[in-house]
PDB file of all heavy atoms in Angstrom:
ATOM      1  N   ALA A   1      -8.224  13.088  13.622  1.00  0.00           N
ATOM      2  CA  ALA A   1      -7.676  14.343  13.086  1.00  0.00           C
ATOM      3  C   ALA A   1      -6.719  14.973  14.088  1.00  0.00           C
ATOM      4  O   ALA A   1      -7.069  15.177  15.245  1.00  0.00           O
ATOM      5  CB  ALA A   1      -8.807  15.298  12.744  1.00  0.00           C
ATOM      6  N   GLY A   2      -5.520  15.262  13.637  1.00  0.00           N
ATOM      7  CA  GLY A   2      -4.523  15.907  14.485  1.00  0.00           C
ATOM      8  C   GLY A   2      -3.784  14.966  15.407  1.00  0.00           C
ATOM      9  O   GLY A   2      -2.926  15.390  16.158  1.00  0.00           O
ATOM     10  N   THR A   3      -4.104  13.684  15.391  1.00  0.00           N
ATOM     11  CA  THR A   3      -3.461  12.712  16.264  1.00  0.00           C
ATOM     12  C   THR A   3      -2.717  11.701  15.398  1.00  0.00           C
ATOM     13  O   THR A   3      -3.279  11.222  14.413  1.00  0.00           O
ATOM     14  CB  THR A   3      -4.505  11.964  17.115  1.00  0.00           C
ATOM     15  OG1 THR A   3      -5.255  12.931  17.845  1.00  0.00           O
ATOM     16  CG2 THR A   3      -3.849  10.998  18.077  1.00  0.00           C
ATOM     17  N   PRO A   4      -1.479  11.343  15.742  1.00  0.00           N
ATOM     18  CA  PRO A   4      -0.754  10.355  14.948  1.00  0.00           C
ATOM     19  C   PRO A   4      -1.477   9.008  14.946  1.00  0.00           C
ATOM     20  O   PRO A   4      -2.106   8.626  15.936  1.00  0.00           O
ATOM     21  CB  PRO A   4       0.594  10.215  15.659  1.00  0.00           C
ATOM     22  CG  PRO A   4       0.713  11.418  16.521  1.00  0.00           C
ATOM     23  CD  PRO A   4      -0.681  11.852  16.856  1.00  0.00           C
ATOM     24  N   VAL A   5      -1.380   8.310  13.848  1.00  0.00           N
ATOM     25  CA  VAL A   5      -1.965   6.971  13.765  1.00  0.00           C
ATOM     26  C   VAL A   5      -1.150   6.045  14.647  1.00  0.00           C
ATOM     27  O   VAL A   5       0.052   5.929  14.500  1.00  0.00           O
ATOM     28  CB  VAL A   5      -1.954   6.464  12.301  1.00  0.00           C
ATOM     29  CG1 VAL A   5      -2.408   5.018  12.237  1.00  0.00           C
ATOM     30  CG2 VAL A   5      -2.836   7.334  11.444  1.00  0.00           C
ATOM     31  N   ARG A   6      -1.811   5.404  15.583  1.00  0.00           N
ATOM     32  CA  ARG A   6      -1.126   4.497  16.502  1.00  0.00           C
ATOM     33  C   ARG A   6      -1.368   3.037  16.130  1.00  0.00           C
ATOM     34  O   ARG A   6      -0.761   2.151  16.680  1.00  0.00           O
ATOM     35  CB  ARG A   6      -1.593   4.758  17.925  1.00  0.00           C
ATOM     36  CG  ARG A   6      -1.256   6.149  18.383  1.00  0.00           C
ATOM     37  CD  ARG A   6      -0.111   6.128  19.363  1.00  0.00           C
ATOM     38  NE  ARG A   6       0.226   7.488  19.744  1.00  0.00           N
ATOM     39  CZ  ARG A   6       1.430   8.003  19.598  1.00  0.00           C
ATOM     40  NH1 ARG A   6       2.403   7.297  19.092  1.00  0.00           N
ATOM     41  NH2 ARG A   6       1.677   9.233  19.963  1.00  0.00           N
ATOM     42  N   ALA A   7      -2.280   2.804  15.203  1.00  0.00           N
ATOM     43  CA  ALA A   7      -2.551   1.436  14.780  1.00  0.00           C
ATOM     44  C   ALA A   7      -1.416   0.947  13.886  1.00  0.00           C
ATOM     45  O   ALA A   7      -0.821   1.719  13.149  1.00  0.00           O
ATOM     46  CB  ALA A   7      -3.867   1.369  14.026  1.00  0.00           C
ATOM     47  N   VAL A   8      -1.145  -0.318  13.977  1.00  0.00           N
ATOM     48  CA  VAL A   8      -0.117  -0.906  13.135  1.00  0.00           C
ATOM     49  C   VAL A   8      -0.673  -1.045  11.721  1.00  0.00           C
ATOM     50  O   VAL A   8      -1.767  -1.549  11.518  1.00  0.00           O
ATOM     51  CB  VAL A   8       0.314  -2.287  13.678  1.00  0.00           C
ATOM     52  CG1 VAL A   8       1.287  -2.957  12.743  1.00  0.00           C
ATOM     53  CG2 VAL A   8       0.913  -2.125  15.065  1.00  0.00           C
ATOM     54  N   ALA A   9       0.084  -0.583  10.759  1.00  0.00           N
ATOM     55  CA  ALA A   9      -0.290  -0.711   9.357  1.00  0.00           C
ATOM     56  C   ALA A   9       0.115  -2.097   8.876  1.00  0.00           C
ATOM     57  O   ALA A   9       1.174  -2.606   9.227  1.00  0.00           O
ATOM     58  CB  ALA A   9       0.394   0.357   8.531  1.00  0.00           C
ATOM     59  N   THR A  10      -0.738  -2.712   8.073  1.00  0.00           N
ATOM     60  CA  THR A  10      -0.451  -4.015   7.480  1.00  0.00           C
ATOM     61  C   THR A  10       0.191  -3.804   6.126  1.00  0.00           C
ATOM     62  O   THR A  10      -0.383  -3.138   5.264  1.00  0.00           O
ATOM     63  CB  THR A  10      -1.748  -4.832   7.301  1.00  0.00           C
ATOM     64  OG1 THR A  10      -2.361  -4.988   8.573  1.00  0.00           O
ATOM     65  CG2 THR A  10      -1.481  -6.182   6.687  1.00  0.00           C
ATOM     66  N   VAL A  11       1.384  -4.337   5.925  1.00  0.00           N
ATOM     67  CA  VAL A  11       2.039  -4.278   4.626  1.00  0.00           C
ATOM     68  C   VAL A  11       1.478  -5.427   3.796  1.00  0.00           C
ATOM     69  O   VAL A  11       1.684  -6.587   4.094  1.00  0.00           O
ATOM     70  CB  VAL A  11       3.566  -4.386   4.745  1.00  0.00           C
ATOM     71  CG1 VAL A  11       4.213  -4.386   3.359  1.00  0.00           C
ATOM     72  CG2 VAL A  11       4.118  -3.255   5.600  1.00  0.00           C
ATOM     73  N   VAL A  12       0.722  -5.084   2.759  1.00  0.00           N
ATOM     74  CA  VAL A  12       0.060  -6.078   1.913  1.00  0.00           C
ATOM     75  C   VAL A  12       1.001  -6.546   0.807  1.00  0.00           C
ATOM     76  O   VAL A  12       1.010  -7.722   0.452  1.00  0.00           O
ATOM     77  CB  VAL A  12      -1.241  -5.500   1.308  1.00  0.00           C
ATOM     78  CG1 VAL A  12      -1.925  -6.506   0.401  1.00  0.00           C
ATOM     79  CG2 VAL A  12      -2.181  -5.057   2.422  1.00  0.00           C
ATOM     80  N   ALA A  13       1.794  -5.628   0.259  1.00  0.00           N
ATOM     81  CA  ALA A  13       2.709  -5.977  -0.837  1.00  0.00           C
ATOM     82  C   ALA A  13       3.905  -5.042  -0.827  1.00  0.00           C
ATOM     83  O   ALA A  13       3.815  -3.911  -0.342  1.00  0.00           O
ATOM     84  CB  ALA A  13       1.994  -5.882  -2.173  1.00  0.00           C
ATOM     85  N   GLU A  14       5.016  -5.521  -1.378  1.00  0.00           N
ATOM     86  CA  GLU A  14       6.220  -4.719  -1.541  1.00  0.00           C
ATOM     87  C   GLU A  14       6.846  -5.038  -2.890  1.00  0.00           C
ATOM     88  O   GLU A  14       6.822  -6.185  -3.331  1.00  0.00           O
ATOM     89  CB  GLU A  14       7.244  -5.007  -0.450  1.00  0.00           C
ATOM     90  CG  GLU A  14       6.804  -4.601   0.928  1.00  0.00           C
ATOM     91  CD  GLU A  14       7.920  -4.730   1.940  1.00  0.00           C
ATOM     92  OE1 GLU A  14       8.917  -3.993   1.847  1.00  0.00           O
ATOM     93  OE2 GLU A  14       7.764  -5.599   2.818  1.00  0.00           O
ATOM     94  N   GLU A  15       7.378  -4.015  -3.518  1.00  0.00           N
ATOM     95  CA  GLU A  15       8.123  -4.160  -4.773  1.00  0.00           C
ATOM     96  C   GLU A  15       9.468  -3.474  -4.591  1.00  0.00           C
ATOM     97  O   GLU A  15       9.545  -2.388  -4.004  1.00  0.00           O
ATOM     98  CB  GLU A  15       7.374  -3.502  -5.934  1.00  0.00           C
ATOM     99  CG  GLU A  15       6.040  -4.113  -6.253  1.00  0.00           C
ATOM    100  CD  GLU A  15       6.143  -5.430  -7.023  1.00  0.00           C
ATOM    101  OE1 GLU A  15       7.097  -5.612  -7.787  1.00  0.00           O
ATOM    102  OE2 GLU A  15       5.245  -6.259  -6.836  1.00  0.00           O
ATOM    103  N   HIS A  16      10.524  -4.101  -5.085  1.00  0.00           N
ATOM    104  CA  HIS A  16      11.872  -3.537  -5.028  1.00  0.00           C
ATOM    105  C   HIS A  16      12.465  -3.548  -6.431  1.00  0.00           C
ATOM    106  O   HIS A  16      12.175  -4.456  -7.216  1.00  0.00           O
ATOM    107  CB  HIS A  16      12.783  -4.367  -4.121  1.00  0.00           C
ATOM    108  CG  HIS A  16      12.347  -4.429  -2.705  1.00  0.00           C
ATOM    109  ND1 HIS A  16      12.688  -3.472  -1.785  1.00  0.00           N
ATOM    110  CD2 HIS A  16      11.584  -5.326  -2.049  1.00  0.00           C
ATOM    111  CE1 HIS A  16      12.161  -3.790  -0.616  1.00  0.00           C
ATOM    112  NE2 HIS A  16      11.473  -4.909  -0.749  1.00  0.00           N
ATOM    113  N   SER A  17      13.323  -2.576  -6.725  1.00  0.00           N
ATOM    114  CA  SER A  17      14.026  -2.539  -7.994  1.00  0.00           C
ATOM    115  C   SER A  17      15.366  -1.845  -7.778  1.00  0.00           C
ATOM    116  O   SER A  17      15.459  -0.931  -6.961  1.00  0.00           O
ATOM    117  CB  SER A  17      13.224  -1.786  -9.046  1.00  0.00           C
ATOM    118  OG  SER A  17      13.986  -1.633 -10.228  1.00  0.00           O
ATOM    119  N   HIS A  18      16.383  -2.262  -8.504  1.00  0.00           N
ATOM    120  CA  HIS A  18      17.681  -1.589  -8.394  1.00  0.00           C
ATOM    121  C   HIS A  18      17.683  -0.281  -9.201  1.00  0.00           C
ATOM    122  O   HIS A  18      18.528   0.565  -8.988  1.00  0.00           O
ATOM    123  CB  HIS A  18      18.824  -2.504  -8.818  1.00  0.00           C
ATOM    124  CG  HIS A  18      18.806  -2.880 -10.263  1.00  0.00           C
ATOM    125  ND1 HIS A  18      17.996  -3.870 -10.762  1.00  0.00           N
ATOM    126  CD2 HIS A  18      19.479  -2.376 -11.318  1.00  0.00           C
ATOM    127  CE1 HIS A  18      18.186  -3.968 -12.064  1.00  0.00           C
ATOM    128  NE2 HIS A  18      19.076  -3.073 -12.433  1.00  0.00           N
ATOM    129  N   CYS A  19      16.730  -0.109 -10.128  1.00  0.00           N
ATOM    130  CA  CYS A  19      16.604   1.138 -10.902  1.00  0.00           C
ATOM    131  C   CYS A  19      15.510   2.012 -10.308  1.00  0.00           C
ATOM    132  O   CYS A  19      15.787   2.992  -9.662  1.00  0.00           O
ATOM    133  CB  CYS A  19      16.278   0.831 -12.358  1.00  0.00           C
ATOM    134  SG  CYS A  19      17.560  -0.086 -13.199  1.00  0.00           S
ATOM    135  N   TRP A  20      14.253   1.663 -10.544  1.00  0.00           N
ATOM    136  CA  TRP A  20      13.099   2.345  -9.975  1.00  0.00           C
ATOM    137  C   TRP A  20      11.892   1.432 -10.090  1.00  0.00           C
ATOM    138  O   TRP A  20      11.872   0.510 -10.888  1.00  0.00           O
ATOM    139  CB  TRP A  20      12.814   3.694 -10.646  1.00  0.00           C
ATOM    140  CG  TRP A  20      12.335   3.591 -12.053  1.00  0.00           C
ATOM    141  CD1 TRP A  20      11.039   3.378 -12.464  1.00  0.00           C
ATOM    142  CD2 TRP A  20      13.108   3.660 -13.237  1.00  0.00           C
ATOM    143  NE1 TRP A  20      10.971   3.322 -13.830  1.00  0.00           N
ATOM    144  CE2 TRP A  20      12.254   3.484 -14.336  1.00  0.00           C
ATOM    145  CE3 TRP A  20      14.473   3.852 -13.488  1.00  0.00           C
ATOM    146  CZ2 TRP A  20      12.699   3.503 -15.639  1.00  0.00           C
ATOM    147  CZ3 TRP A  20      14.903   3.869 -14.793  1.00  0.00           C
ATOM    148  CH2 TRP A  20      14.013   3.698 -15.850  1.00  0.00           C
ATOM    149  N   VAL A  21      10.899   1.721  -9.287  1.00  0.00           N
ATOM    150  CA  VAL A  21       9.647   0.970  -9.304  1.00  0.00           C
ATOM    151  C   VAL A  21       8.616   1.795 -10.067  1.00  0.00           C
ATOM    152  O   VAL A  21       8.458   2.990  -9.804  1.00  0.00           O
ATOM    153  CB  VAL A  21       9.142   0.697  -7.870  1.00  0.00           C
ATOM    154  CG1 VAL A  21       7.811  -0.034  -7.896  1.00  0.00           C
ATOM    155  CG2 VAL A  21      10.159  -0.093  -7.081  1.00  0.00           C
ATOM    156  N   ASN A  22       7.941   1.166 -11.000  1.00  0.00           N
ATOM    157  CA  ASN A  22       6.864   1.842 -11.716  1.00  0.00           C
ATOM    158  C   ASN A  22       5.620   1.898 -10.828  1.00  0.00           C
ATOM    159  O   ASN A  22       5.199   0.886 -10.298  1.00  0.00           O
ATOM    160  CB  ASN A  22       6.515   1.100 -13.007  1.00  0.00           C
ATOM    161  CG  ASN A  22       7.594   1.260 -14.049  1.00  0.00           C
ATOM    162  OD1 ASN A  22       8.073   2.371 -14.279  1.00  0.00           O
ATOM    163  ND2 ASN A  22       7.997   0.176 -14.659  1.00  0.00           N
ATOM    164  N   VAL A  23       5.058   3.084 -10.675  1.00  0.00           N
ATOM    165  CA  VAL A  23       3.810   3.262  -9.933  1.00  0.00           C
ATOM    166  C   VAL A  23       2.701   3.407 -10.963  1.00  0.00           C
ATOM    167  O   VAL A  23       2.797   4.220 -11.877  1.00  0.00           O
ATOM    168  CB  VAL A  23       3.869   4.513  -9.030  1.00  0.00           C
ATOM    169  CG1 VAL A  23       2.550   4.719  -8.314  1.00  0.00           C
ATOM    170  CG2 VAL A  23       5.011   4.379  -8.032  1.00  0.00           C
ATOM    171  N   THR A  24       1.658   2.593 -10.817  1.00  0.00           N
ATOM    172  CA  THR A  24       0.548   2.635 -11.769  1.00  0.00           C
ATOM    173  C   THR A  24      -0.764   2.910 -11.033  1.00  0.00           C
ATOM    174  O   THR A  24      -0.809   2.956  -9.812  1.00  0.00           O
ATOM    175  CB  THR A  24       0.426   1.292 -12.530  1.00  0.00           C
ATOM    176  OG1 THR A  24       0.027   0.286 -11.609  1.00  0.00           O
ATOM    177  CG2 THR A  24       1.745   0.907 -13.180  1.00  0.00           C
ATOM    178  N   ASP A  25      -1.826   3.035 -11.793  1.00  0.00           N
ATOM    179  CA  ASP A  25      -3.158   3.259 -11.227  1.00  0.00           C
ATOM    180  C   ASP A  25      -3.960   1.972 -11.124  1.00  0.00           C
ATOM    181  O   ASP A  25      -5.177   2.003 -10.998  1.00  0.00           O
ATOM    182  CB  ASP A  25      -3.934   4.264 -12.093  1.00  0.00           C
ATOM    183  CG  ASP A  25      -3.365   5.656 -12.000  1.00  0.00           C
ATOM    184  OD1 ASP A  25      -2.901   6.030 -10.908  1.00  0.00           O
ATOM    185  OD2 ASP A  25      -3.372   6.374 -13.016  1.00  0.00           O
ATOM    186  N   THR A  26      -3.301   0.831 -11.182  1.00  0.00           N
ATOM    187  CA  THR A  26      -3.988  -0.456 -11.215  1.00  0.00           C
ATOM    188  C   THR A  26      -4.538  -0.885  -9.864  1.00  0.00           C
ATOM    189  O   THR A  26      -5.520  -1.614  -9.808  1.00  0.00           O
ATOM    190  CB  THR A  26      -3.024  -1.550 -11.741  1.00  0.00           C
ATOM    191  OG1 THR A  26      -2.521  -1.128 -12.997  1.00  0.00           O
ATOM    192  CG2 THR A  26      -3.725  -2.870 -11.901  1.00  0.00           C
ATOM    193  N   CYS A  27      -3.947  -0.457  -8.776  1.00  0.00           N
ATOM    194  CA  CYS A  27      -4.359  -0.929  -7.453  1.00  0.00           C
ATOM    195  C   CYS A  27      -5.840  -0.645  -7.207  1.00  0.00           C
ATOM    196  O   CYS A  27      -6.304   0.486  -7.336  1.00  0.00           O
ATOM    197  CB  CYS A  27      -3.515  -0.275  -6.369  1.00  0.00           C
ATOM    198  SG  CYS A  27      -3.859  -0.924  -4.733  1.00  0.00           S
ATOM    199  N   ARG A  28      -6.562  -1.699  -6.856  1.00  0.00           N
ATOM    200  CA  ARG A  28      -7.994  -1.591  -6.575  1.00  0.00           C
ATOM    201  C   ARG A  28      -8.358  -2.441  -5.366  1.00  0.00           C
ATOM    202  O   ARG A  28      -7.904  -3.581  -5.249  1.00  0.00           O
ATOM    203  CB  ARG A  28      -8.843  -2.112  -7.744  1.00  0.00           C
ATOM    204  CG  ARG A  28      -8.698  -1.361  -9.030  1.00  0.00           C
ATOM    205  CD  ARG A  28      -9.468  -0.036  -8.985  1.00  0.00           C
ATOM    206  NE  ARG A  28      -9.443   0.637 -10.268  1.00  0.00           N
ATOM    207  CZ  ARG A  28      -8.501   1.477 -10.670  1.00  0.00           C
ATOM    208  NH1 ARG A  28      -7.480   1.738  -9.896  1.00  0.00           N
ATOM    209  NH2 ARG A  28      -8.578   2.066 -11.851  1.00  0.00           N
ATOM    210  N   ALA A  29      -9.185  -1.904  -4.493  1.00  0.00           N
ATOM    211  CA  ALA A  29      -9.743  -2.678  -3.396  1.00  0.00           C
ATOM    212  C   ALA A  29     -10.947  -3.443  -3.934  1.00  0.00           C
ATOM    213  O   ALA A  29     -11.818  -2.853  -4.565  1.00  0.00           O
ATOM    214  CB  ALA A  29     -10.155  -1.753  -2.258  1.00  0.00           C
ATOM    215  N   LEU A  30     -10.975  -4.735  -3.716  1.00  0.00           N
ATOM    216  CA  LEU A  30     -12.067  -5.573  -4.202  1.00  0.00           C
ATOM    217  C   LEU A  30     -13.088  -5.817  -3.093  1.00  0.00           C
ATOM    218  O   LEU A  30     -12.757  -5.752  -1.908  1.00  0.00           O
ATOM    219  CB  LEU A  30     -11.504  -6.902  -4.709  1.00  0.00           C
ATOM    220  CG  LEU A  30     -10.413  -6.786  -5.784  1.00  0.00           C
ATOM    221  CD1 LEU A  30      -9.853  -8.161  -6.109  1.00  0.00           C
ATOM    222  CD2 LEU A  30     -10.958  -6.104  -7.021  1.00  0.00           C
ATOM    223  N   ARG A  31     -14.310  -6.109  -3.456  1.00  0.00           N
ATOM    224  CA  ARG A  31     -15.370  -6.366  -2.464  1.00  0.00           C
ATOM    225  C   ARG A  31     -15.026  -7.501  -1.518  1.00  0.00           C
ATOM    226  O   ARG A  31     -15.490  -7.542  -0.391  1.00  0.00           O
ATOM    227  CB  ARG A  31     -16.681  -6.678  -3.173  1.00  0.00           C
ATOM    228  CG  ARG A  31     -17.304  -5.487  -3.810  1.00  0.00           C
ATOM    229  CD  ARG A  31     -18.652  -5.810  -4.392  1.00  0.00           C
ATOM    230  NE  ARG A  31     -19.095  -4.689  -5.196  1.00  0.00           N
ATOM    231  CZ  ARG A  31     -19.902  -4.782  -6.208  1.00  0.00           C
ATOM    232  NH1 ARG A  31     -20.401  -5.955  -6.560  1.00  0.00           N
ATOM    233  NH2 ARG A  31     -20.249  -3.717  -6.878  1.00  0.00           N
ATOM    234  N   SER A  32     -14.220  -8.434  -1.978  1.00  0.00           N
ATOM    235  CA  SER A  32     -13.826  -9.585  -1.163  1.00  0.00           C
ATOM    236  C   SER A  32     -12.900  -9.195  -0.012  1.00  0.00           C
ATOM    237  O   SER A  32     -12.643  -9.993   0.879  1.00  0.00           O
ATOM    238  CB  SER A  32     -13.131 -10.626  -2.033  1.00  0.00           C
ATOM    239  OG  SER A  32     -11.909 -10.087  -2.543  1.00  0.00           O
ATOM    240  N   GLY A  33     -12.364  -7.959  -0.060  1.00  0.00           N
ATOM    241  CA  GLY A  33     -11.376  -7.533   0.925  1.00  0.00           C
ATOM    242  C   GLY A  33      -9.955  -7.669   0.395  1.00  0.00           C
ATOM    243  O   GLY A  33      -9.011  -7.218   1.026  1.00  0.00           O
ATOM    244  N   ASP A  34      -9.808  -8.296  -0.763  1.00  0.00           N
ATOM    245  CA  ASP A  34      -8.508  -8.452  -1.405  1.00  0.00           C
ATOM    246  C   ASP A  34      -8.198  -7.209  -2.241  1.00  0.00           C
ATOM    247  O   ASP A  34      -9.017  -6.307  -2.356  1.00  0.00           O
ATOM    248  CB  ASP A  34      -8.495  -9.694  -2.305  1.00  0.00           C
ATOM    249  CG  ASP A  34      -8.681 -10.984  -1.519  1.00  0.00           C
ATOM    250  OD1 ASP A  34      -8.338 -11.017  -0.315  1.00  0.00           O
ATOM    251  OD2 ASP A  34      -9.175 -11.952  -2.113  1.00  0.00           O
TER     252      ASP A  34
END
């Protein structure tokens, strides 16, 4: 709390679009870690 995150974030996925990217509520963390 109050301290910047110094850990490196892992980019799991990226989406690109020339118009816009749809954001949905589908993202779920699975028990497997995936």
